[in-house]
Amino acid sequence: MKKKINYKNEPMGKIRVVKDFLPNPEQLAFKEQKIKTTISLSRTSLDFFKHEADHYHTSYQKMIRNLLDSYALQHMGKSL
């Protein structure tokens, strides 16, 4: 276990205000349009994504979608 930090009542020194850099709630709620499709995967691939999704506490479909999106973005400019 980490050591407990003991704070003391000491002067903090010069303080500066940091500009708000966080996105608005509307930007956080953005959802990209999704289109339903059917795809056949090998048992090996599906088992892999399900195992990894369990490990990271997420959806295996989301992991596959993110992988495909990353691949598409990386190669979009190369084929045009």
N, C-alpha and C. Protein backbone atom coordinates (compact mmCIF):
# COMPACT_ATOMS: atom_id res chain seq x y z
N MET A 1 0.83 -1.18 0.00
CA MET A 1 0.00 0.00 0.00
C MET A 1 0.88 1.25 0.00
N LYS A 2 0.43 2.28 -0.70
CA LYS A 2 1.21 3.51 -0.78
C LYS A 2 1.20 4.25 0.55
N LYS A 3 2.24 5.06 0.75
CA LYS A 3 2.31 5.87 1.96
C LYS A 3 1.20 6.91 1.96
N LYS A 4 0.66 7.19 3.11
CA LYS A 4 -0.36 8.22 3.25
C LYS A 4 0.32 9.58 3.19
N ILE A 5 -0.27 10.52 2.45
CA ILE A 5 0.27 11.86 2.33
C ILE A 5 -0.27 12.69 3.49
N ASN A 6 0.63 13.34 4.20
CA ASN A 6 0.24 14.24 5.29
C ASN A 6 0.36 15.67 4.80
N TYR A 7 -0.76 16.36 4.67
CA TYR A 7 -0.77 17.75 4.22
C TYR A 7 -0.57 18.66 5.41
N LYS A 8 0.14 19.75 5.19
CA LYS A 8 0.41 20.71 6.26
C LYS A 8 -0.17 22.05 5.84
N ASN A 9 -0.46 22.87 6.81
CA ASN A 9 -1.01 24.19 6.56
C ASN A 9 0.14 25.15 6.26
N GLU A 10 0.62 25.11 5.01
CA GLU A 10 1.74 25.94 4.57
C GLU A 10 1.30 26.79 3.39
N PRO A 11 2.00 27.88 3.13
CA PRO A 11 1.65 28.70 1.97
C PRO A 11 1.82 27.89 0.69
N MET A 12 0.91 28.13 -0.28
CA MET A 12 0.94 27.37 -1.52
C MET A 12 1.81 28.00 -2.58
N GLY A 13 2.20 29.23 -2.43
CA GLY A 13 2.99 29.90 -3.44
C GLY A 13 2.08 30.57 -4.46
N LYS A 14 2.64 30.95 -5.59
CA LYS A 14 1.88 31.66 -6.62
C LYS A 14 0.89 30.69 -7.29
N ILE A 15 -0.35 31.12 -7.39
CA ILE A 15 -1.40 30.30 -8.00
C ILE A 15 -1.80 30.93 -9.32
N ARG A 16 -2.04 30.12 -10.34
CA ARG A 16 -2.52 30.64 -11.63
C ARG A 16 -3.77 29.87 -12.04
N VAL A 17 -4.67 30.57 -12.70
CA VAL A 17 -5.91 29.97 -13.16
C VAL A 17 -5.64 29.29 -14.49
N VAL A 18 -6.09 28.04 -14.63
CA VAL A 18 -5.91 27.29 -15.86
C VAL A 18 -7.19 27.39 -16.68
N LYS A 19 -7.04 27.73 -17.96
CA LYS A 19 -8.19 27.84 -18.86
C LYS A 19 -8.90 26.48 -18.95
N ASP A 20 -10.23 26.51 -18.98
CA ASP A 20 -11.01 25.28 -19.10
C ASP A 20 -10.75 24.64 -20.47
N PHE A 21 -10.22 23.44 -20.48
CA PHE A 21 -9.88 22.75 -21.72
C PHE A 21 -10.76 21.53 -21.96
N LEU A 22 -11.69 21.27 -21.04
CA LEU A 22 -12.53 20.08 -21.17
C LEU A 22 -13.64 20.32 -22.20
N PRO A 23 -14.05 19.27 -22.93
CA PRO A 23 -15.12 19.42 -23.92
C PRO A 23 -16.47 19.65 -23.25
N ASN A 24 -17.39 20.27 -23.99
CA ASN A 24 -18.75 20.47 -23.51
C ASN A 24 -19.45 19.12 -23.40
N PRO A 25 -20.48 19.02 -22.55
CA PRO A 25 -21.24 17.77 -22.46
C PRO A 25 -21.82 17.32 -23.80
N GLU A 26 -22.20 18.28 -24.65
CA GLU A 26 -22.74 17.92 -25.97
C GLU A 26 -21.70 17.18 -26.80
N GLN A 27 -20.44 17.57 -26.67
CA GLN A 27 -19.38 16.90 -27.41
C GLN A 27 -19.13 15.50 -26.87
N LEU A 28 -19.32 15.32 -25.59
CA LEU A 28 -19.11 14.01 -24.99
C LEU A 28 -20.23 13.05 -25.34
N ALA A 29 -21.42 13.58 -25.60
CA ALA A 29 -22.58 12.74 -25.88
C ALA A 29 -22.68 12.37 -27.35
N PHE A 30 -21.75 12.85 -28.17
CA PHE A 30 -21.77 12.58 -29.61
C PHE A 30 -21.73 11.08 -29.89
N LYS A 31 -22.62 10.64 -30.73
CA LYS A 31 -22.63 9.24 -31.14
C LYS A 31 -22.54 9.19 -32.66
N GLU A 32 -21.59 8.42 -33.14
CA GLU A 32 -21.44 8.26 -34.58
C GLU A 32 -22.53 7.32 -35.07
N GLN A 33 -23.02 7.61 -36.27
CA GLN A 33 -24.06 6.77 -36.84
C GLN A 33 -23.51 5.37 -37.07
N LYS A 34 -24.28 4.39 -36.66
CA LYS A 34 -23.87 2.99 -36.83
C LYS A 34 -24.87 2.31 -37.76
N ILE A 35 -24.35 1.41 -38.56
CA ILE A 35 -25.18 0.65 -39.49
C ILE A 35 -25.05 -0.82 -39.13
N LYS A 36 -26.17 -1.47 -38.94
CA LYS A 36 -26.15 -2.90 -38.60
C LYS A 36 -25.74 -3.70 -39.83
N THR A 37 -24.92 -4.71 -39.58
CA THR A 37 -24.47 -5.60 -40.64
C THR A 37 -24.24 -6.99 -40.05
N THR A 38 -24.14 -7.95 -40.89
CA THR A 38 -23.83 -9.31 -40.45
C THR A 38 -22.48 -9.70 -41.01
N ILE A 39 -21.66 -10.30 -40.17
CA ILE A 39 -20.33 -10.72 -40.61
C ILE A 39 -20.04 -12.09 -40.01
N SER A 40 -19.40 -12.93 -40.77
CA SER A 40 -18.98 -14.24 -40.28
C SER A 40 -17.52 -14.16 -39.87
N LEU A 41 -17.24 -14.54 -38.64
CA LEU A 41 -15.88 -14.51 -38.12
C LEU A 41 -15.43 -15.93 -37.80
N SER A 42 -14.13 -16.13 -37.81
CA SER A 42 -13.62 -17.44 -37.40
C SER A 42 -13.82 -17.58 -35.90
N ARG A 43 -13.89 -18.79 -35.43
CA ARG A 43 -14.04 -19.08 -34.00
C ARG A 43 -12.86 -18.50 -33.24
N THR A 44 -11.66 -18.60 -33.82
CA THR A 44 -10.45 -18.09 -33.18
C THR A 44 -10.55 -16.59 -32.95
N SER A 45 -10.96 -15.84 -33.97
CA SER A 45 -11.08 -14.38 -33.85
C SER A 45 -12.13 -14.00 -32.82
N LEU A 46 -13.28 -14.64 -32.91
CA LEU A 46 -14.36 -14.31 -31.99
C LEU A 46 -13.97 -14.62 -30.54
N ASP A 47 -13.35 -15.76 -30.32
CA ASP A 47 -12.90 -16.12 -28.97
C ASP A 47 -11.89 -15.11 -28.44
N PHE A 48 -10.98 -14.69 -29.32
CA PHE A 48 -9.98 -13.70 -28.92
C PHE A 48 -10.64 -12.41 -28.46
N PHE A 49 -11.55 -11.86 -29.28
CA PHE A 49 -12.19 -10.59 -28.94
C PHE A 49 -13.07 -10.71 -27.69
N LYS A 50 -13.75 -11.83 -27.53
CA LYS A 50 -14.56 -12.02 -26.33
C LYS A 50 -13.68 -12.08 -25.09
N HIS A 51 -12.56 -12.77 -25.17
CA HIS A 51 -11.64 -12.87 -24.04
C HIS A 51 -11.08 -11.50 -23.68
N GLU A 52 -10.63 -10.75 -24.69
CA GLU A 52 -10.06 -9.42 -24.45
C GLU A 52 -11.13 -8.47 -23.92
N ALA A 53 -12.34 -8.56 -24.42
CA ALA A 53 -13.43 -7.69 -23.95
C ALA A 53 -13.72 -7.96 -22.48
N ASP A 54 -13.72 -9.22 -22.08
CA ASP A 54 -13.91 -9.56 -20.67
C ASP A 54 -12.78 -8.97 -19.82
N HIS A 55 -11.57 -9.08 -20.33
CA HIS A 55 -10.42 -8.58 -19.60
C HIS A 55 -10.50 -7.07 -19.38
N TYR A 56 -10.97 -6.32 -20.39
CA TYR A 56 -11.05 -4.86 -20.31
C TYR A 56 -12.44 -4.35 -19.95
N HIS A 57 -13.34 -5.25 -19.62
CA HIS A 57 -14.71 -4.90 -19.20
C HIS A 57 -15.42 -4.02 -20.24
N THR A 58 -15.43 -4.50 -21.46
CA THR A 58 -16.10 -3.79 -22.54
C THR A 58 -16.80 -4.79 -23.45
N SER A 59 -17.37 -4.30 -24.52
CA SER A 59 -18.08 -5.14 -25.47
C SER A 59 -17.14 -5.60 -26.59
N TYR A 60 -17.24 -6.87 -26.94
CA TYR A 60 -16.37 -7.36 -28.03
C TYR A 60 -16.76 -6.73 -29.36
N GLN A 61 -18.07 -6.44 -29.54
CA GLN A 61 -18.50 -5.78 -30.78
C GLN A 61 -17.86 -4.40 -30.90
N LYS A 62 -17.79 -3.69 -29.79
CA LYS A 62 -17.18 -2.36 -29.78
C LYS A 62 -15.70 -2.45 -30.14
N MET A 63 -15.01 -3.45 -29.63
CA MET A 63 -13.60 -3.63 -29.94
C MET A 63 -13.39 -3.91 -31.43
N ILE A 64 -14.22 -4.77 -31.99
CA ILE A 64 -14.11 -5.09 -33.42
C ILE A 64 -14.42 -3.85 -34.26
N ARG A 65 -15.47 -3.10 -33.87
CA ARG A 65 -15.84 -1.87 -34.59
C ARG A 65 -14.69 -0.87 -34.56
N ASN A 66 -14.06 -0.69 -33.39
CA ASN A 66 -12.94 0.25 -33.28
C ASN A 66 -11.74 -0.19 -34.12
N LEU A 67 -11.50 -1.49 -34.15
CA LEU A 67 -10.42 -2.02 -34.98
C LEU A 67 -10.67 -1.73 -36.46
N LEU A 68 -11.89 -1.99 -36.91
CA LEU A 68 -12.22 -1.74 -38.32
C LEU A 68 -12.17 -0.25 -38.64
N ASP A 69 -12.64 0.61 -37.72
CA ASP A 69 -12.58 2.05 -37.94
C ASP A 69 -11.13 2.52 -38.04
N SER A 70 -10.26 2.03 -37.18
CA SER A 70 -8.85 2.42 -37.21
C SER A 70 -8.20 1.99 -38.52
N TYR A 71 -8.50 0.77 -38.96
CA TYR A 71 -7.95 0.27 -40.21
C TYR A 71 -8.41 1.13 -41.38
N ALA A 72 -9.71 1.43 -41.41
CA ALA A 72 -10.26 2.22 -42.51
C ALA A 72 -9.65 3.62 -42.55
N LEU A 73 -9.53 4.28 -41.40
CA LEU A 73 -8.95 5.62 -41.36
C LEU A 73 -7.49 5.62 -41.81
N GLN A 74 -6.77 4.60 -41.45
CA GLN A 74 -5.35 4.52 -41.81
C GLN A 74 -5.17 4.36 -43.31
N HIS A 75 -6.09 3.66 -43.97
CA HIS A 75 -5.92 3.34 -45.38
C HIS A 75 -6.78 4.17 -46.32
N MET A 76 -7.58 5.07 -45.83
CA MET A 76 -8.46 5.86 -46.69
C MET A 76 -7.68 6.69 -47.71
N GLY A 77 -6.65 7.37 -47.27
CA GLY A 77 -5.89 8.24 -48.18
C GLY A 77 -5.02 7.47 -49.16
N LYS A 78 -4.66 6.24 -48.84
CA LYS A 78 -3.74 5.48 -49.69
C LYS A 78 -4.41 4.98 -50.97
N SER A 79 -5.74 4.74 -50.90
CA SER A 79 -6.40 4.18 -52.09
C SER A 79 -7.05 5.26 -52.95
N LEU A 80 -7.08 6.50 -52.48
CA LEU A 80 -7.72 7.57 -53.26
C LEU A 80 -6.84 8.16 -54.31
